[in-house]
Amino acid sequence: QGHFDINELFTRKLKKAFKAYSFNPVSVNKDLEAIFNKVWEEKKAF
């Protein structure tokens, strides 16, 4: 259950990071993927 809760914790961190993102229509796909990958790597380490 702790692993599932950690997953939710990093889901919230991803939401926070996406909300802080300065929207750029030219690079939005790449930018959000990079944000996701960074948060995912942090989650795996956690």
All heavy atoms as atom14 arrays in JSON, in Angstrom:
{
  "sequence": "QGHFDINELFTRKLKKAFKAYSFNPVSVNKDLEAIFNKVWEEKKAF",
  "atom14_mask": [
    [1, 1, 1, 1, 1, 1, 1, 1, 1, 0, 0, 0, 0, 0],
    [1, 1, 1, 1, 0, 0, 0, 0, 0, 0, 0, 0, 0, 0],
    [1, 1, 1, 1, 1, 1, 1, 1, 1, 1, 0, 0, 0, 0],
    [1, 1, 1, 1, 1, 1, 1, 1, 1, 1, 1, 0, 0, 0],
    [1, 1, 1, 1, 1, 1, 1, 1, 0, 0, 0, 0, 0, 0],
    [1, 1, 1, 1, 1, 1, 1, 1, 0, 0, 0, 0, 0, 0],
    [1, 1, 1, 1, 1, 1, 1, 1, 0, 0, 0, 0, 0, 0],
    [1, 1, 1, 1, 1, 1, 1, 1, 1, 0, 0, 0, 0, 0],
    [1, 1, 1, 1, 1, 1, 1, 1, 0, 0, 0, 0, 0, 0],
    [1, 1, 1, 1, 1, 1, 1, 1, 1, 1, 1, 0, 0, 0],
    [1, 1, 1, 1, 1, 1, 1, 0, 0, 0, 0, 0, 0, 0],
    [1, 1, 1, 1, 1, 1, 1, 1, 1, 1, 1, 0, 0, 0],
    [1, 1, 1, 1, 1, 1, 1, 1, 1, 0, 0, 0, 0, 0],
    [1, 1, 1, 1, 1, 1, 1, 1, 0, 0, 0, 0, 0, 0],
    [1, 1, 1, 1, 1, 1, 1, 1, 1, 0, 0, 0, 0, 0],
    [1, 1, 1, 1, 1, 1, 1, 1, 1, 0, 0, 0, 0, 0],
    [1, 1, 1, 1, 1, 0, 0, 0, 0, 0, 0, 0, 0, 0],
    [1, 1, 1, 1, 1, 1, 1, 1, 1, 1, 1, 0, 0, 0],
    [1, 1, 1, 1, 1, 1, 1, 1, 1, 0, 0, 0, 0, 0],
    [1, 1, 1, 1, 1, 0, 0, 0, 0, 0, 0, 0, 0, 0],
    [1, 1, 1, 1, 1, 1, 1, 1, 1, 1, 1, 1, 0, 0],
    [1, 1, 1, 1, 1, 1, 0, 0, 0, 0, 0, 0, 0, 0],
    [1, 1, 1, 1, 1, 1, 1, 1, 1, 1, 1, 0, 0, 0],
    [1, 1, 1, 1, 1, 1, 1, 1, 0, 0, 0, 0, 0, 0],
    [1, 1, 1, 1, 1, 1, 1, 0, 0, 0, 0, 0, 0, 0],
    [1, 1, 1, 1, 1, 1, 1, 0, 0, 0, 0, 0, 0, 0],
    [1, 1, 1, 1, 1, 1, 0, 0, 0, 0, 0, 0, 0, 0],
    [1, 1, 1, 1, 1, 1, 1, 0, 0, 0, 0, 0, 0, 0],
    [1, 1, 1, 1, 1, 1, 1, 1, 0, 0, 0, 0, 0, 0],
    [1, 1, 1, 1, 1, 1, 1, 1, 1, 0, 0, 0, 0, 0],
    [1, 1, 1, 1, 1, 1, 1, 1, 0, 0, 0, 0, 0, 0],
    [1, 1, 1, 1, 1, 1, 1, 1, 0, 0, 0, 0, 0, 0],
    [1, 1, 1, 1, 1, 1, 1, 1, 1, 0, 0, 0, 0, 0],
    [1, 1, 1, 1, 1, 0, 0, 0, 0, 0, 0, 0, 0, 0],
    [1, 1, 1, 1, 1, 1, 1, 1, 0, 0, 0, 0, 0, 0],
    [1, 1, 1, 1, 1, 1, 1, 1, 1, 1, 1, 0, 0, 0],
    [1, 1, 1, 1, 1, 1, 1, 1, 0, 0, 0, 0, 0, 0],
    [1, 1, 1, 1, 1, 1, 1, 1, 1, 0, 0, 0, 0, 0],
    [1, 1, 1, 1, 1, 1, 1, 0, 0, 0, 0, 0, 0, 0],
    [1, 1, 1, 1, 1, 1, 1, 1, 1, 1, 1, 1, 1, 1],
    [1, 1, 1, 1, 1, 1, 1, 1, 1, 0, 0, 0, 0, 0],
    [1, 1, 1, 1, 1, 1, 1, 1, 1, 0, 0, 0, 0, 0],
    [1, 1, 1, 1, 1, 1, 1, 1, 1, 0, 0, 0, 0, 0],
    [1, 1, 1, 1, 1, 1, 1, 1, 1, 0, 0, 0, 0, 0],
    [1, 1, 1, 1, 1, 0, 0, 0, 0, 0, 0, 0, 0, 0],
    [1, 1, 1, 1, 1, 1, 1, 1, 1, 1, 1, 0, 0, 0]
  ],
  "atom14_positions": [
    [[0.85, -1.19, 0.0], [0.0, 0.0, 0.0], [0.88, 1.24, 0.0], [0.57, 2.24, -0.66], [-0.94, 0.02, 1.21], [-1.83, 1.25, 1.3], [-2.86, 1.33, 0.19], [-3.55, 0.37, -0.09], [-2.96, 2.48, -0.46], [0.0, 0.0, 0.0], [0.0, 0.0, 0.0], [0.0, 0.0, 0.0], [0.0, 0.0, 0.0], [0.0, 0.0, 0.0]],
    [[2.0, 1.17, 0.71], [2.96, 2.28, 0.73], [3.47, 2.6, -0.66], [3.6, 3.78, -1.03], [0.0, 0.0, 0.0], [0.0, 0.0, 0.0], [0.0, 0.0, 0.0], [0.0, 0.0, 0.0], [0.0, 0.0, 0.0], [0.0, 0.0, 0.0], [0.0, 0.0, 0.0], [0.0, 0.0, 0.0], [0.0, 0.0, 0.0], [0.0, 0.0, 0.0]],
    [[3.73, 1.58, -1.46], [4.18, 1.82, -2.84], [3.09, 2.52, -3.65], [3.37, 3.44, -4.42], [4.57, 0.51, -3.53], [5.92, 0.02, -3.15], [7.09, 0.68, -3.48], [6.3, -1.09, -2.45], [8.13, 0.01, -3.01], [7.67, -1.06, -2.37], [0.0, 0.0, 0.0], [0.0, 0.0, 0.0], [0.0, 0.0, 0.0], [0.0, 0.0, 0.0]],
    [[1.84, 2.11, -3.44], [0.72, 2.76, -4.15], [0.56, 4.2, -3.67], [0.33, 5.11, -4.46], [-0.55, 1.94, -3.94], [-1.7, 2.27, -4.87], [-1.52, 2.9, -6.08], [-2.99, 1.89, -4.52], [-2.59, 3.17, -6.94], [-4.07, 2.15, -5.36], [-3.86, 2.79, -6.57], [0.0, 0.0, 0.0], [0.0, 0.0, 0.0], [0.0, 0.0, 0.0]],
    [[0.74, 4.43, -2.37], [0.66, 5.79, -1.83], [1.81, 6.66, -2.35], [1.61, 7.84, -2.64], [0.65, 5.76, -0.3], [-0.61, 5.14, 0.27], [-1.62, 4.99, -0.46], [-0.59, 4.78, 1.47], [0.0, 0.0, 0.0], [0.0, 0.0, 0.0], [0.0, 0.0, 0.0], [0.0, 0.0, 0.0], [0.0, 0.0, 0.0], [0.0, 0.0, 0.0]],
    [[3.0, 6.08, -2.48], [4.13, 6.81, -3.06], [3.81, 7.18, -4.5], [4.1, 8.3, -4.95], [5.43, 5.96, -2.98], [5.92, 5.89, -1.53], [6.51, 6.52, -3.92], [7.02, 4.85, -1.3], [0.0, 0.0, 0.0], [0.0, 0.0, 0.0], [0.0, 0.0, 0.0], [0.0, 0.0, 0.0], [0.0, 0.0, 0.0], [0.0, 0.0, 0.0]],
    [[3.18, 6.27, -5.21], [2.78, 6.56, -6.59], [1.84, 7.77, -6.63], [1.98, 8.66, -7.47], [2.11, 5.32, -7.2], [2.09, 5.35, -8.7], [3.12, 5.23, -9.33], [0.91, 5.51, -9.27], [0.0, 0.0, 0.0], [0.0, 0.0, 0.0], [0.0, 0.0, 0.0], [0.0, 0.0, 0.0], [0.0, 0.0, 0.0], [0.0, 0.0, 0.0]],
    [[0.89, 7.82, -5.7], [-0.02, 8.97, -5.62], [0.74, 10.24, -5.24], [0.47, 11.32, -5.78], [-1.14, 8.71, -4.61], [-2.02, 9.91, -4.3], [-2.8, 10.47, -5.48], [-2.93, 9.79, -6.52], [-3.3, 11.62, -5.36], [0.0, 0.0, 0.0], [0.0, 0.0, 0.0], [0.0, 0.0, 0.0], [0.0, 0.0, 0.0], [0.0, 0.0, 0.0]],
    [[1.69, 10.12, -4.33], [2.5, 11.27, -3.94], [3.18, 11.89, -5.16], [3.14, 13.11, -5.37], [3.54, 10.84, -2.9], [4.57, 11.89, -2.48], [3.89, 13.07, -1.81], [5.59, 11.25, -1.55], [0.0, 0.0, 0.0], [0.0, 0.0, 0.0], [0.0, 0.0, 0.0], [0.0, 0.0, 0.0], [0.0, 0.0, 0.0], [0.0, 0.0, 0.0]],
    [[3.77, 11.05, -6.01], [4.46, 11.57, -7.18], [3.49, 11.98, -8.28], [3.82, 12.82, -9.13], [5.55, 10.6, -7.64], [6.77, 10.73, -6.77], [6.87, 10.03, -5.58], [7.78, 11.62, -7.1], [7.97, 10.18, -4.75], [8.88, 11.79, -6.27], [8.98, 11.08, -5.09], [0.0, 0.0, 0.0], [0.0, 0.0, 0.0], [0.0, 0.0, 0.0]],
    [[2.28, 11.43, -8.27], [1.24, 11.91, -9.17], [0.91, 13.36, -8.82], [0.77, 14.22, -9.7], [-0.02, 11.02, -9.06], [0.33, 9.69, -9.46], [-1.15, 11.54, -9.92], [0.0, 0.0, 0.0], [0.0, 0.0, 0.0], [0.0, 0.0, 0.0], [0.0, 0.0, 0.0], [0.0, 0.0, 0.0], [0.0, 0.0, 0.0], [0.0, 0.0, 0.0]],
    [[0.81, 13.65, -7.53], [0.55, 15.01, -7.08], [1.72, 15.94, -7.42], [1.52, 17.1, -7.8], [0.25, 15.04, -5.59], [-1.06, 14.35, -5.25], [-1.35, 14.34, -3.77], [-2.52, 13.51, -3.49], [-3.09, 13.44, -2.31], [-2.62, 14.14, -1.28], [-4.15, 12.66, -2.13], [0.0, 0.0, 0.0], [0.0, 0.0, 0.0], [0.0, 0.0, 0.0]],
    [[2.94, 15.44, -7.28], [4.11, 16.24, -7.65], [4.1, 16.55, -9.14], [4.47, 17.65, -9.56], [5.4, 15.53, -7.24], [5.61, 15.51, -5.74], [6.92, 14.84, -5.36], [7.07, 14.87, -3.84], [8.46, 14.74, -3.42], [0.0, 0.0, 0.0], [0.0, 0.0, 0.0], [0.0, 0.0, 0.0], [0.0, 0.0, 0.0], [0.0, 0.0, 0.0]],
    [[3.66, 15.59, -9.94], [3.56, 15.81, -11.38], [2.49, 16.87, -11.68], [2.71, 17.76, -12.51], [3.25, 14.5, -12.11], [3.18, 14.58, -13.63], [4.53, 15.02, -14.22], [2.75, 13.24, -14.21], [0.0, 0.0, 0.0], [0.0, 0.0, 0.0], [0.0, 0.0, 0.0], [0.0, 0.0, 0.0], [0.0, 0.0, 0.0], [0.0, 0.0, 0.0]],
    [[1.35, 16.79, -11.01], [0.31, 17.81, -11.19], [0.83, 19.19, -10.84], [0.58, 20.16, -11.57], [-0.92, 17.49, -10.33], [-1.74, 16.32, -10.82], [-2.9, 16.02, -9.87], [-3.64, 14.77, -10.3], [-4.7, 14.42, -9.36], [0.0, 0.0, 0.0], [0.0, 0.0, 0.0], [0.0, 0.0, 0.0], [0.0, 0.0, 0.0], [0.0, 0.0, 0.0]],
    [[1.56, 19.28, -9.76], [2.14, 20.55, -9.34], [3.11, 21.08, -10.4], [3.08, 22.26, -10.76], [2.85, 20.38, -7.99], [3.45, 21.65, -7.44], [4.1, 21.4, -6.09], [4.7, 22.68, -5.54], [5.34, 22.45, -4.23], [0.0, 0.0, 0.0], [0.0, 0.0, 0.0], [0.0, 0.0, 0.0], [0.0, 0.0, 0.0], [0.0, 0.0, 0.0]],
    [[3.96, 20.2, -10.91], [4.93, 20.6, -11.93], [4.24, 21.01, -13.22], [4.63, 22.0, -13.86], [5.92, 19.47, -12.19], [0.0, 0.0, 0.0], [0.0, 0.0, 0.0], [0.0, 0.0, 0.0], [0.0, 0.0, 0.0], [0.0, 0.0, 0.0], [0.0, 0.0, 0.0], [0.0, 0.0, 0.0], [0.0, 0.0, 0.0], [0.0, 0.0, 0.0]],
    [[3.19, 20.29, -13.62], [2.45, 20.65, -14.83], [1.77, 22.01, -14.66], [1.73, 22.8, -15.58], [1.42, 19.58, -15.18], [1.95, 18.42, -15.99], [3.31, 18.19, -16.16], [1.07, 17.52, -16.57], [3.78, 17.11, -16.9], [1.53, 16.44, -17.31], [2.88, 16.23, -17.49], [0.0, 0.0, 0.0], [0.0, 0.0, 0.0], [0.0, 0.0, 0.0]],
    [[1.22, 22.26, -13.47], [0.56, 23.55, -13.22], [1.56, 24.7, -13.26], [1.21, 25.81, -13.64], [-0.19, 23.54, -11.89], [-1.5, 22.79, -11.97], [-2.35, 23.0, -10.74], [-3.68, 22.3, -10.95], [-4.65, 22.59, -9.9], [0.0, 0.0, 0.0], [0.0, 0.0, 0.0], [0.0, 0.0, 0.0], [0.0, 0.0, 0.0], [0.0, 0.0, 0.0]],
    [[2.79, 24.44, -12.87], [3.82, 25.48, -12.86], [4.44, 25.68, -14.26], [5.14, 26.67, -14.47], [4.92, 25.11, -11.86], [0.0, 0.0, 0.0], [0.0, 0.0, 0.0], [0.0, 0.0, 0.0], [0.0, 0.0, 0.0], [0.0, 0.0, 0.0], [0.0, 0.0, 0.0], [0.0, 0.0, 0.0], [0.0, 0.0, 0.0], [0.0, 0.0, 0.0]],
    [[4.16, 24.79, -15.16], [4.74, 24.84, -16.51], [4.28, 26.09, -17.26], [3.1, 26.4, -17.3], [4.35, 23.57, -17.27], [4.65, 23.59, -18.75], [5.96, 23.61, -19.2], [3.61, 23.58, -19.67], [6.23, 23.62, -20.57], [3.87, 23.58, -21.03], [5.18, 23.62, -21.48], [5.45, 23.62, -22.82], [0.0, 0.0, 0.0], [0.0, 0.0, 0.0]],
    [[5.23, 26.77, -17.86], [4.91, 27.92, -18.72], [4.61, 27.38, -20.12], [5.51, 26.94, -20.83], [6.09, 28.9, -18.77], [6.31, 29.46, -17.51], [0.0, 0.0, 0.0], [0.0, 0.0, 0.0], [0.0, 0.0, 0.0], [0.0, 0.0, 0.0], [0.0, 0.0, 0.0], [0.0, 0.0, 0.0], [0.0, 0.0, 0.0], [0.0, 0.0, 0.0]],
    [[3.36, 27.44, -20.47], [2.87, 26.83, -21.71], [3.59, 27.39, -22.94], [3.68, 28.59, -23.14], [1.36, 27.06, -21.81], [0.76, 26.54, -23.08], [0.72, 25.18, -23.32], [0.23, 27.41, -24.02], [0.15, 24.69, -24.49], [-0.34, 26.93, -25.18], [-0.38, 25.57, -25.42], [0.0, 0.0, 0.0], [0.0, 0.0, 0.0], [0.0, 0.0, 0.0]],
    [[4.1, 26.46, -23.75], [4.72, 26.8, -25.02], [4.15, 25.85, -26.06], [4.51, 24.66, -26.07], [6.25, 26.65, -24.93], [6.94, 27.0, -26.22], [6.33, 27.09, -27.28], [8.25, 27.17, -26.15], [0.0, 0.0, 0.0], [0.0, 0.0, 0.0], [0.0, 0.0, 0.0], [0.0, 0.0, 0.0], [0.0, 0.0, 0.0], [0.0, 0.0, 0.0]],
    [[3.27, 26.31, -26.94], [2.62, 25.41, -27.9], [3.59, 24.73, -28.87], [3.3, 23.66, -29.38], [1.62, 26.3, -28.64], [2.07, 27.7, -28.39], [2.81, 27.69, -27.09], [0.0, 0.0, 0.0], [0.0, 0.0, 0.0], [0.0, 0.0, 0.0], [0.0, 0.0, 0.0], [0.0, 0.0, 0.0], [0.0, 0.0, 0.0], [0.0, 0.0, 0.0]],
    [[4.73, 25.33, -29.08], [5.71, 24.75, -30.0], [6.38, 23.51, -29.41], [6.64, 22.53, -30.11], [6.78, 25.82, -30.38], [7.88, 25.2, -31.23], [6.13, 26.98, -31.09], [0.0, 0.0, 0.0], [0.0, 0.0, 0.0], [0.0, 0.0, 0.0], [0.0, 0.0, 0.0], [0.0, 0.0, 0.0], [0.0, 0.0, 0.0], [0.0, 0.0, 0.0]],
    [[6.61, 23.52, -28.11], [7.36, 22.42, -27.49], [6.6, 21.7, -26.38], [7.21, 20.95, -25.6], [8.68, 22.96, -26.94], [8.43, 23.94, -25.95], [0.0, 0.0, 0.0], [0.0, 0.0, 0.0], [0.0, 0.0, 0.0], [0.0, 0.0, 0.0], [0.0, 0.0, 0.0], [0.0, 0.0, 0.0], [0.0, 0.0, 0.0], [0.0, 0.0, 0.0]],
    [[5.3, 21.89, -26.3], [4.52, 21.36, -25.18], [4.68, 19.85, -25.02], [4.85, 19.34, -23.91], [3.02, 21.77, -25.26], [2.33, 21.19, -26.48], [2.29, 21.41, -23.99], [0.0, 0.0, 0.0], [0.0, 0.0, 0.0], [0.0, 0.0, 0.0], [0.0, 0.0, 0.0], [0.0, 0.0, 0.0], [0.0, 0.0, 0.0], [0.0, 0.0, 0.0]],
    [[4.64, 19.1, -26.12], [4.77, 17.63, -26.02], [6.09, 17.25, -25.38], [6.14, 16.46, -24.43], [4.67, 16.98, -27.4], [3.29, 17.06, -28.0], [2.3, 17.2, -27.29], [3.22, 17.01, -29.31], [0.0, 0.0, 0.0], [0.0, 0.0, 0.0], [0.0, 0.0, 0.0], [0.0, 0.0, 0.0], [0.0, 0.0, 0.0], [0.0, 0.0, 0.0]],
    [[7.17, 17.8, -25.9], [8.51, 17.5, -25.4], [8.68, 17.99, -23.97], [9.27, 17.3, -23.13], [9.54, 18.14, -26.33], [10.96, 17.76, -26.04], [11.92, 18.27, -27.1], [11.94, 19.79, -27.01], [12.95, 20.44, -27.82], [0.0, 0.0, 0.0], [0.0, 0.0, 0.0], [0.0, 0.0, 0.0], [0.0, 0.0, 0.0], [0.0, 0.0, 0.0]],
    [[8.17, 19.17, -23.68], [8.31, 19.75, -22.34], [7.61, 18.9, -21.28], [8.18, 18.6, -20.23], [7.75, 21.17, -22.3], [8.52, 22.14, -23.18], [9.65, 21.83, -23.59], [7.95, 23.22, -23.48], [0.0, 0.0, 0.0], [0.0, 0.0, 0.0], [0.0, 0.0, 0.0], [0.0, 0.0, 0.0], [0.0, 0.0, 0.0], [0.0, 0.0, 0.0]],
    [[6.35, 18.52, -21.55], [5.6, 17.72, -20.57], [6.21, 16.33, -20.41], [6.26, 15.79, -19.31], [4.13, 17.64, -20.94], [3.36, 18.96, -20.88], [1.89, 18.74, -21.23], [3.49, 19.64, -19.53], [0.0, 0.0, 0.0], [0.0, 0.0, 0.0], [0.0, 0.0, 0.0], [0.0, 0.0, 0.0], [0.0, 0.0, 0.0], [0.0, 0.0, 0.0]],
    [[6.7, 15.77, -21.5], [7.37, 14.47, -21.41], [8.62, 14.56, -20.54], [8.89, 13.68, -19.72], [7.73, 13.95, -22.8], [8.34, 12.57, -22.78], [8.65, 12.02, -24.17], [8.24, 12.63, -25.17], [9.32, 10.97, -24.22], [0.0, 0.0, 0.0], [0.0, 0.0, 0.0], [0.0, 0.0, 0.0], [0.0, 0.0, 0.0], [0.0, 0.0, 0.0]],
    [[9.37, 15.63, -20.69], [10.59, 15.83, -19.88], [10.22, 16.0, -18.41], [10.89, 15.44, -17.52], [11.37, 17.04, -20.38], [0.0, 0.0, 0.0], [0.0, 0.0, 0.0], [0.0, 0.0, 0.0], [0.0, 0.0, 0.0], [0.0, 0.0, 0.0], [0.0, 0.0, 0.0], [0.0, 0.0, 0.0], [0.0, 0.0, 0.0], [0.0, 0.0, 0.0]],
    [[9.17, 16.74, -18.13], [8.71, 16.92, -16.74], [8.3, 15.57, -16.17], [8.69, 15.2, -15.06], [7.56, 17.94, -16.66], [8.06, 19.34, -17.01], [6.92, 17.92, -15.27], [6.93, 20.36, -17.23], [0.0, 0.0, 0.0], [0.0, 0.0, 0.0], [0.0, 0.0, 0.0], [0.0, 0.0, 0.0], [0.0, 0.0, 0.0], [0.0, 0.0, 0.0]],
    [[7.52, 14.82, -16.94], [7.07, 13.49, -16.49], [8.28, 12.6, -16.2], [8.34, 11.95, -15.16], [6.16, 12.82, -17.53], [5.83, 11.4, -17.17], [4.79, 11.13, -16.28], [6.58, 10.34, -17.66], [4.51, 9.82, -15.91], [6.3, 9.04, -17.29], [5.26, 8.77, -16.41], [0.0, 0.0, 0.0], [0.0, 0.0, 0.0], [0.0, 0.0, 0.0]],
    [[9.23, 12.54, -17.13], [10.4, 11.66, -16.96], [11.2, 12.03, -15.72], [11.67, 11.15, -15.0], [11.29, 11.7, -18.2], [10.65, 10.97, -19.37], [9.78, 10.11, -19.2], [11.06, 11.31, -20.58], [0.0, 0.0, 0.0], [0.0, 0.0, 0.0], [0.0, 0.0, 0.0], [0.0, 0.0, 0.0], [0.0, 0.0, 0.0], [0.0, 0.0, 0.0]],
    [[11.34, 13.32, -15.44], [12.06, 13.77, -14.24], [11.33, 13.3, -12.98], [11.95, 12.74, -12.07], [12.2, 15.29, -14.25], [12.94, 15.86, -13.06], [13.03, 17.38, -13.17], [13.83, 17.99, -12.04], [13.2, 17.91, -10.74], [0.0, 0.0, 0.0], [0.0, 0.0, 0.0], [0.0, 0.0, 0.0], [0.0, 0.0, 0.0], [0.0, 0.0, 0.0]],
    [[10.03, 13.51, -12.92], [9.24, 13.1, -11.76], [9.26, 11.58, -11.63], [9.39, 11.05, -10.52], [7.79, 13.65, -11.84], [6.89, 13.04, -10.78], [7.8, 15.17, -11.73], [0.0, 0.0, 0.0], [0.0, 0.0, 0.0], [0.0, 0.0, 0.0], [0.0, 0.0, 0.0], [0.0, 0.0, 0.0], [0.0, 0.0, 0.0], [0.0, 0.0, 0.0]],
    [[9.17, 10.85, -12.73], [9.17, 9.39, -12.7], [10.5, 8.86, -12.15], [10.52, 7.91, -11.35], [8.87, 8.81, -14.07], [8.72, 7.33, -14.05], [9.59, 6.39, -14.5], [7.62, 6.59, -13.49], [9.1, 5.12, -14.27], [7.89, 5.22, -13.66], [6.42, 6.97, -12.88], [7.02, 4.22, -13.23], [5.55, 5.97, -12.45], [5.85, 4.62, -12.63]],
    [[11.61, 9.45, -12.56], [12.92, 9.03, -12.05], [13.02, 9.3, -10.55], [13.57, 8.48, -9.8], [14.05, 9.72, -12.81], [14.22, 9.22, -14.25], [14.43, 7.72, -14.35], [15.26, 7.17, -13.59], [13.77, 7.08, -15.2], [0.0, 0.0, 0.0], [0.0, 0.0, 0.0], [0.0, 0.0, 0.0], [0.0, 0.0, 0.0], [0.0, 0.0, 0.0]],
    [[12.48, 10.44, -10.1], [12.46, 10.74, -8.67], [11.62, 9.73, -7.91], [11.98, 9.28, -6.82], [11.92, 12.16, -8.43], [12.84, 13.26, -8.9], [12.2, 14.64, -8.87], [11.02, 14.78, -8.44], [12.88, 15.59, -9.29], [0.0, 0.0, 0.0], [0.0, 0.0, 0.0], [0.0, 0.0, 0.0], [0.0, 0.0, 0.0], [0.0, 0.0, 0.0]],
    [[10.51, 9.33, -8.5], [9.62, 8.34, -7.88], [10.33, 6.99, -7.75], [10.28, 6.35, -6.7], [8.34, 8.18, -8.69], [7.38, 7.12, -8.13], [6.66, 6.41, -9.24], [5.79, 5.29, -8.79], [6.52, 4.06, -8.44], [0.0, 0.0, 0.0], [0.0, 0.0, 0.0], [0.0, 0.0, 0.0], [0.0, 0.0, 0.0], [0.0, 0.0, 0.0]],
    [[11.03, 6.58, -8.8], [11.74, 5.3, -8.76], [12.82, 5.31, -7.67], [12.97, 4.33, -6.93], [12.34, 4.98, -10.13], [11.3, 4.56, -11.14], [11.77, 4.21, -12.53], [13.19, 4.26, -12.87], [13.5, 4.02, -14.28], [0.0, 0.0, 0.0], [0.0, 0.0, 0.0], [0.0, 0.0, 0.0], [0.0, 0.0, 0.0], [0.0, 0.0, 0.0]],
    [[13.53, 6.41, -7.53], [14.56, 6.52, -6.5], [13.92, 6.5, -5.11], [14.45, 5.87, -4.18], [15.37, 7.8, -6.7], [0.0, 0.0, 0.0], [0.0, 0.0, 0.0], [0.0, 0.0, 0.0], [0.0, 0.0, 0.0], [0.0, 0.0, 0.0], [0.0, 0.0, 0.0], [0.0, 0.0, 0.0], [0.0, 0.0, 0.0], [0.0, 0.0, 0.0]],
    [[12.79, 7.17, -4.96], [12.07, 7.21, -3.68], [11.59, 5.81, -3.31], [11.73, 5.37, -2.16], [10.9, 8.19, -3.81], [10.3, 8.66, -2.52], [10.81, 9.77, -1.87], [9.2, 8.03, -1.98], [10.24, 10.24, -0.68], [8.61, 8.49, -0.8], [9.14, 9.59, -0.15], [0.0, 0.0, 0.0], [0.0, 0.0, 0.0], [0.0, 0.0, 0.0]]
  ]
}
